């Protein structure tokens, strides 16, 4: 009987140890991963929806500014048109990322781009790593669901849903931002 208890106890301990070595994953699939970049490695927060679309959030520091970007990689077999997506968080106002791209162009900065396999856009630019409740990044940290619409190569619109539960911890860890 003692041997049986020790065996069960040892198995539980082994399971507990194995679980502790599994990579950290935020609720609803948000993880911190290496950003898909040819530059020096850096972290990104990432989530993949049930359809296989992947969304990542990453940051960079430029001229004393913290810039946080979102980057979309559609599911395998989906080809994007060269049109910027529109998104909204929960029941919020839709954000046309083409307007972000145009503002960047007017500042000689690339704040958005869509090609056949990816789309990215600036979410937030600040001289401080502190996200305020009125900042454009804030809903990404407190919202429940991101609704994203993008045009595919055949002219149809593809609706994508991403959970935001767990995004705050992953985005904070990957980008170094914090909330006030």
C-alpha atoms as a PDB file:
ATOM      1  CA  UNK A   1       0.000   0.000   0.000  1.00  0.00           C
ATOM      2  CA  UNK A   2       2.806   2.445   0.853  1.00  0.00           C
ATOM      3  CA  UNK A   3       4.488   1.610  -2.433  1.00  0.00           C
ATOM      4  CA  UNK A   4       1.224   2.330  -4.286  1.00  0.00           C
ATOM      5  CA  UNK A   5       0.879   5.727  -2.537  1.00  0.00           C
ATOM      6  CA  UNK A   6       4.498   6.609  -3.341  1.00  0.00           C
ATOM      7  CA  UNK A   7       3.972   5.653  -6.968  1.00  0.00           C
ATOM      8  CA  UNK A   8       0.843   7.764  -7.197  1.00  0.00           C
ATOM      9  CA  UNK A   9       2.570  10.621  -5.378  1.00  0.00           C
ATOM     10  CA  UNK A  10       5.619  10.403  -7.615  1.00  0.00           C
ATOM     11  CA  UNK A  11       3.394  10.421 -10.721  1.00  0.00           C
ATOM     12  CA  UNK A  12       1.592  13.514  -9.502  1.00  0.00           C
ATOM     13  CA  UNK A  13       4.916  15.203  -8.793  1.00  0.00           C
ATOM     14  CA  UNK A  14       6.206  14.264 -12.237  1.00  0.00           C
ATOM     15  CA  UNK A  15       3.025  15.645 -13.820  1.00  0.00           C
ATOM     16  CA  UNK A  16       3.350  18.857 -11.811  1.00  0.00           C
ATOM     17  CA  UNK A  17       6.988  19.222 -12.897  1.00  0.00           C
ATOM     18  CA  UNK A  18       6.097  18.536 -16.543  1.00  0.00           C
ATOM     19  CA  UNK A  19       3.331  21.128 -16.470  1.00  0.00           C
ATOM     20  CA  UNK A  20       5.706  23.738 -15.065  1.00  0.00           C
ATOM     21  CA  UNK A  21       8.013  23.329 -18.082  1.00  0.00           C
ATOM     22  CA  UNK A  22       5.273  23.917 -20.663  1.00  0.00           C
ATOM     23  CA  UNK A  23       5.736  27.368 -22.301  1.00  0.00           C
ATOM     24  CA  UNK A  24       3.611  30.060 -20.705  1.00  0.00           C
ATOM     25  CA  UNK A  25       0.385  30.658 -22.578  1.00  0.00           C
ATOM     26  CA  UNK A  26      -2.057  33.385 -21.694  1.00  0.00           C
ATOM     27  CA  UNK A  27      -5.786  32.735 -21.480  1.00  0.00           C
ATOM     28  CA  UNK A  28      -7.549  32.011 -24.775  1.00  0.00           C
ATOM     29  CA  UNK A  29      -4.318  31.302 -26.599  1.00  0.00           C
ATOM     30  CA  UNK A  30      -2.272  34.493 -26.188  1.00  0.00           C
ATOM     31  CA  UNK A  31       1.438  33.693 -25.980  1.00  0.00           C
ATOM     32  CA  UNK A  32       4.714  35.557 -26.135  1.00  0.00           C
ATOM     33  CA  UNK A  33       6.745  34.368 -29.136  1.00  0.00           C
ATOM     34  CA  UNK A  34       9.707  35.477 -31.197  1.00  0.00           C
ATOM     35  CA  UNK A  35       8.486  38.092 -33.664  1.00  0.00           C
ATOM     36  CA  UNK A  36       8.603  37.022 -37.329  1.00  0.00           C
ATOM     37  CA  UNK A  37      11.423  39.351 -38.328  1.00  0.00           C
ATOM     38  CA  UNK A  38      14.747  39.302 -40.114  1.00  0.00           C
ATOM     39  CA  UNK A  39      16.040  41.871 -37.602  1.00  0.00           C
ATOM     40  CA  UNK A  40      17.544  40.996 -34.248  1.00  0.00           C
ATOM     41  CA  UNK A  41      15.150  38.728 -32.338  1.00  0.00           C
ATOM     42  CA  UNK A  42      12.494  40.425 -30.241  1.00  0.00           C
ATOM     43  CA  UNK A  43       9.248  39.348 -28.589  1.00  0.00           C
ATOM     44  CA  UNK A  44       5.674  39.634 -29.809  1.00  0.00           C
ATOM     45  CA  UNK A  45       2.313  38.782 -28.287  1.00  0.00           C
ATOM     46  CA  UNK A  46       0.484  36.297 -30.487  1.00  0.00           C
ATOM     47  CA  UNK A  47      -2.917  34.661 -30.813  1.00  0.00           C
ATOM     48  CA  UNK A  48      -4.347  32.360 -33.480  1.00  0.00           C
ATOM     49  CA  UNK A  49      -8.103  32.128 -33.967  1.00  0.00           C
ATOM     50  CA  UNK A  50     -10.084  28.965 -34.699  1.00  0.00           C
ATOM     51  CA  UNK A  51      -9.866  29.629 -38.469  1.00  0.00           C
ATOM     52  CA  UNK A  52      -6.046  29.679 -38.357  1.00  0.00           C
ATOM     53  CA  UNK A  53      -5.570  33.434 -38.722  1.00  0.00           C
ATOM     54  CA  UNK A  54      -2.667  34.720 -36.614  1.00  0.00           C
ATOM     55  CA  UNK A  55      -2.448  38.139 -35.011  1.00  0.00           C
ATOM     56  CA  UNK A  56       0.697  39.440 -33.354  1.00  0.00           C
ATOM     57  CA  UNK A  57       1.455  42.636 -31.450  1.00  0.00           C
ATOM     58  CA  UNK A  58       5.024  43.910 -31.249  1.00  0.00           C
ATOM     59  CA  UNK A  59       6.870  47.110 -30.468  1.00  0.00           C
ATOM     60  CA  UNK A  60       9.927  49.083 -31.423  1.00  0.00           C
ATOM     61  CA  UNK A  61      11.664  52.149 -30.060  1.00  0.00           C
ATOM     62  CA  UNK A  62      12.322  54.925 -32.575  1.00  0.00           C
ATOM     63  CA  UNK A  63      13.721  58.370 -31.793  1.00  0.00           C
ATOM     64  CA  UNK A  64      12.554  58.267 -28.177  1.00  0.00           C
ATOM     65  CA  UNK A  65       9.111  56.912 -29.087  1.00  0.00           C
ATOM     66  CA  UNK A  66       7.562  53.571 -28.248  1.00  0.00           C
ATOM     67  CA  UNK A  67       5.590  52.304 -31.226  1.00  0.00           C
ATOM     68  CA  UNK A  68       3.296  49.290 -30.924  1.00  0.00           C
ATOM     69  CA  UNK A  69       2.100  47.545 -34.088  1.00  0.00           C
ATOM     70  CA  UNK A  70      -0.460  44.842 -34.887  1.00  0.00           C
ATOM     71  CA  UNK A  71       0.368  42.356 -37.619  1.00  0.00           C
ATOM     72  CA  UNK A  72      -2.066  39.969 -39.279  1.00  0.00           C
ATOM     73  CA  UNK A  73      -1.130  36.705 -40.969  1.00  0.00           C
ATOM     74  CA  UNK A  74      -4.227  35.104 -42.524  1.00  0.00           C
ATOM     75  CA  UNK A  75      -4.809  31.358 -42.427  1.00  0.00           C
ATOM     76  CA  UNK A  76      -3.037  29.133 -44.910  1.00  0.00           C
ATOM     77  CA  UNK A  77      -4.605  29.447 -48.351  1.00  0.00           C
ATOM     78  CA  UNK A  78      -6.021  32.940 -47.755  1.00  0.00           C
ATOM     79  CA  UNK A  79      -4.574  35.658 -49.987  1.00  0.00           C
ATOM     80  CA  UNK A  80      -5.166  39.276 -49.071  1.00  0.00           C
ATOM     81  CA  UNK A  81      -5.975  42.119 -51.441  1.00  0.00           C
ATOM     82  CA  UNK A  82      -3.695  45.118 -51.039  1.00  0.00           C
ATOM     83  CA  UNK A  83      -6.302  46.909 -48.910  1.00  0.00           C
ATOM     84  CA  UNK A  84      -5.881  47.796 -45.247  1.00  0.00           C
ATOM     85  CA  UNK A  85      -8.211  46.114 -42.741  1.00  0.00           C
ATOM     86  CA  UNK A  86     -10.865  47.682 -40.533  1.00  0.00           C
ATOM     87  CA  UNK A  87     -11.199  46.567 -36.922  1.00  0.00           C
ATOM     88  CA  UNK A  88     -13.219  47.263 -33.831  1.00  0.00           C
ATOM     89  CA  UNK A  89     -12.963  46.043 -30.288  1.00  0.00           C
ATOM     90  CA  UNK A  90     -16.178  44.825 -28.686  1.00  0.00           C
ATOM     91  CA  UNK A  91     -18.892  47.352 -29.622  1.00  0.00           C
ATOM     92  CA  UNK A  92     -16.429  50.200 -30.145  1.00  0.00           C
ATOM     93  CA  UNK A  93     -16.026  52.496 -33.116  1.00  0.00           C
ATOM     94  CA  UNK A  94     -14.526  50.817 -36.226  1.00  0.00           C
ATOM     95  CA  UNK A  95     -10.922  51.812 -36.931  1.00  0.00           C
ATOM     96  CA  UNK A  96      -9.930  52.056 -40.606  1.00  0.00           C
ATOM     97  CA  UNK A  97      -6.237  51.187 -40.618  1.00  0.00           C
ATOM     98  CA  UNK A  98      -5.874  52.827 -44.023  1.00  0.00           C
ATOM     99  CA  UNK A  99      -6.243  56.169 -42.228  1.00  0.00           C
ATOM    100  CA  UNK A 100      -3.317  55.171 -39.995  1.00  0.00           C
ATOM    101  CA  UNK A 101      -1.265  54.234 -43.066  1.00  0.00           C
ATOM    102  CA  UNK A 102      -2.048  57.587 -44.727  1.00  0.00           C
ATOM    103  CA  UNK A 103      -1.044  59.537 -41.575  1.00  0.00           C
ATOM    104  CA  UNK A 104       2.223  57.636 -41.557  1.00  0.00           C
ATOM    105  CA  UNK A 105       2.818  58.390 -45.235  1.00  0.00           C
ATOM    106  CA  UNK A 106       2.300  62.101 -44.531  1.00  0.00           C
ATOM    107  CA  UNK A 107       5.057  61.842 -41.878  1.00  0.00           C
ATOM    108  CA  UNK A 108       7.408  59.823 -44.126  1.00  0.00           C
ATOM    109  CA  UNK A 109       6.829  56.800 -41.885  1.00  0.00           C
ATOM    110  CA  UNK A 110       5.514  53.333 -42.654  1.00  0.00           C
ATOM    111  CA  UNK A 111       2.600  52.962 -40.234  1.00  0.00           C
ATOM    112  CA  UNK A 112       0.689  50.421 -42.281  1.00  0.00           C
ATOM    113  CA  UNK A 113       1.006  48.064 -45.222  1.00  0.00           C
ATOM    114  CA  UNK A 114      -0.889  45.112 -46.663  1.00  0.00           C
ATOM    115  CA  UNK A 115       0.428  42.594 -49.144  1.00  0.00           C
ATOM    116  CA  UNK A 116      -0.845  39.155 -50.161  1.00  0.00           C
ATOM    117  CA  UNK A 117       0.299  37.374 -46.971  1.00  0.00           C
ATOM    118  CA  UNK A 118       0.363  39.986 -44.218  1.00  0.00           C
ATOM    119  CA  UNK A 119      -0.978  43.284 -43.012  1.00  0.00           C
ATOM    120  CA  UNK A 120       0.429  45.504 -40.284  1.00  0.00           C
ATOM    121  CA  UNK A 121      -0.511  48.853 -38.775  1.00  0.00           C
ATOM    122  CA  UNK A 122       0.506  51.163 -35.974  1.00  0.00           C
ATOM    123  CA  UNK A 123      -1.623  50.780 -32.854  1.00  0.00           C
ATOM    124  CA  UNK A 124       0.034  53.333 -30.611  1.00  0.00           C
ATOM    125  CA  UNK A 125       2.915  55.818 -30.569  1.00  0.00           C
ATOM    126  CA  UNK A 126       4.111  57.508 -27.381  1.00  0.00           C
ATOM    127  CA  UNK A 127       7.158  59.059 -25.756  1.00  0.00           C
ATOM    128  CA  UNK A 128       6.300  57.083 -22.597  1.00  0.00           C
ATOM    129  CA  UNK A 129       5.735  53.327 -22.162  1.00  0.00           C
ATOM    130  CA  UNK A 130       2.664  54.037 -20.028  1.00  0.00           C
ATOM    131  CA  UNK A 131      -0.708  53.350 -21.694  1.00  0.00           C
ATOM    132  CA  UNK A 132      -3.467  55.697 -20.524  1.00  0.00           C
ATOM    133  CA  UNK A 133      -7.179  54.887 -20.574  1.00  0.00           C
ATOM    134  CA  UNK A 134      -7.658  57.327 -23.478  1.00  0.00           C
ATOM    135  CA  UNK A 135      -4.881  55.818 -25.639  1.00  0.00           C
ATOM    136  CA  UNK A 136      -5.614  53.748 -28.740  1.00  0.00           C
ATOM    137  CA  UNK A 137      -3.779  50.718 -27.291  1.00  0.00           C
ATOM    138  CA  UNK A 138      -5.909  50.646 -24.140  1.00  0.00           C
ATOM    139  CA  UNK A 139      -8.898  48.734 -25.658  1.00  0.00           C
ATOM    140  CA  UNK A 140      -6.480  45.996 -26.774  1.00  0.00           C
ATOM    141  CA  UNK A 141      -5.596  45.510 -23.098  1.00  0.00           C
ATOM    142  CA  UNK A 142      -9.105  45.581 -21.613  1.00  0.00           C
ATOM    143  CA  UNK A 143     -11.420  44.458 -24.430  1.00  0.00           C
ATOM    144  CA  UNK A 144     -13.016  41.059 -24.874  1.00  0.00           C
ATOM    145  CA  UNK A 145     -12.939  40.508 -28.650  1.00  0.00           C
ATOM    146  CA  UNK A 146     -11.338  42.011 -31.727  1.00  0.00           C
ATOM    147  CA  UNK A 147     -13.479  42.032 -34.895  1.00  0.00           C
ATOM    148  CA  UNK A 148     -11.334  42.461 -37.998  1.00  0.00           C
ATOM    149  CA  UNK A 149     -12.484  42.709 -41.614  1.00  0.00           C
ATOM    150  CA  UNK A 150     -10.086  42.483 -44.514  1.00  0.00           C
ATOM    151  CA  UNK A 151     -10.532  42.157 -48.267  1.00  0.00           C
ATOM    152  CA  UNK A 152      -9.196  39.016 -49.936  1.00  0.00           C
ATOM    153  CA  UNK A 153      -7.693  38.804 -53.422  1.00  0.00           C
ATOM    154  CA  UNK A 154     -11.049  37.802 -54.954  1.00  0.00           C
ATOM    155  CA  UNK A 155     -12.737  40.964 -53.629  1.00  0.00           C
ATOM    156  CA  UNK A 156     -14.681  39.244 -50.854  1.00  0.00           C
ATOM    157  CA  UNK A 157     -14.542  40.456 -47.270  1.00  0.00           C
ATOM    158  CA  UNK A 158     -13.159  38.113 -44.623  1.00  0.00           C
ATOM    159  CA  UNK A 159     -14.345  38.615 -41.054  1.00  0.00           C
ATOM    160  CA  UNK A 160     -11.926  37.477 -38.369  1.00  0.00           C
ATOM    161  CA  UNK A 161     -12.548  37.279 -34.640  1.00  0.00           C
ATOM    162  CA  UNK A 162      -9.780  37.168 -32.043  1.00  0.00           C
ATOM    163  CA  UNK A 163     -10.233  36.821 -28.298  1.00  0.00           C
ATOM    164  CA  UNK A 164      -8.620  39.587 -26.252  1.00  0.00           C
ATOM    165  CA  UNK A 165      -8.907  37.815 -22.916  1.00  0.00           C
ATOM    166  CA  UNK A 166      -5.299  37.337 -21.841  1.00  0.00           C
ATOM    167  CA  UNK A 167      -3.950  39.879 -24.328  1.00  0.00           C
ATOM    168  CA  UNK A 168      -2.961  42.421 -21.653  1.00  0.00           C
ATOM    169  CA  UNK A 169      -0.414  40.166 -19.956  1.00  0.00           C
ATOM    170  CA  UNK A 170       1.076  38.989 -23.253  1.00  0.00           C
ATOM    171  CA  UNK A 171       1.236  42.489 -24.781  1.00  0.00           C
ATOM    172  CA  UNK A 172       2.787  43.948 -21.634  1.00  0.00           C
ATOM    173  CA  UNK A 173       5.401  41.197 -21.495  1.00  0.00           C
ATOM    174  CA  UNK A 174       6.243  41.375 -25.206  1.00  0.00           C
ATOM    175  CA  UNK A 175       6.354  45.168 -25.536  1.00  0.00           C
ATOM    176  CA  UNK A 176       7.334  46.416 -22.078  1.00  0.00           C
ATOM    177  CA  UNK A 177       4.383  48.817 -21.886  1.00  0.00           C
ATOM    178  CA  UNK A 178       2.378  49.248 -18.719  1.00  0.00           C
ATOM    179  CA  UNK A 179      -0.910  50.856 -17.839  1.00  0.00           C
ATOM    180  CA  UNK A 180      -1.391  53.805 -15.508  1.00  0.00           C
END
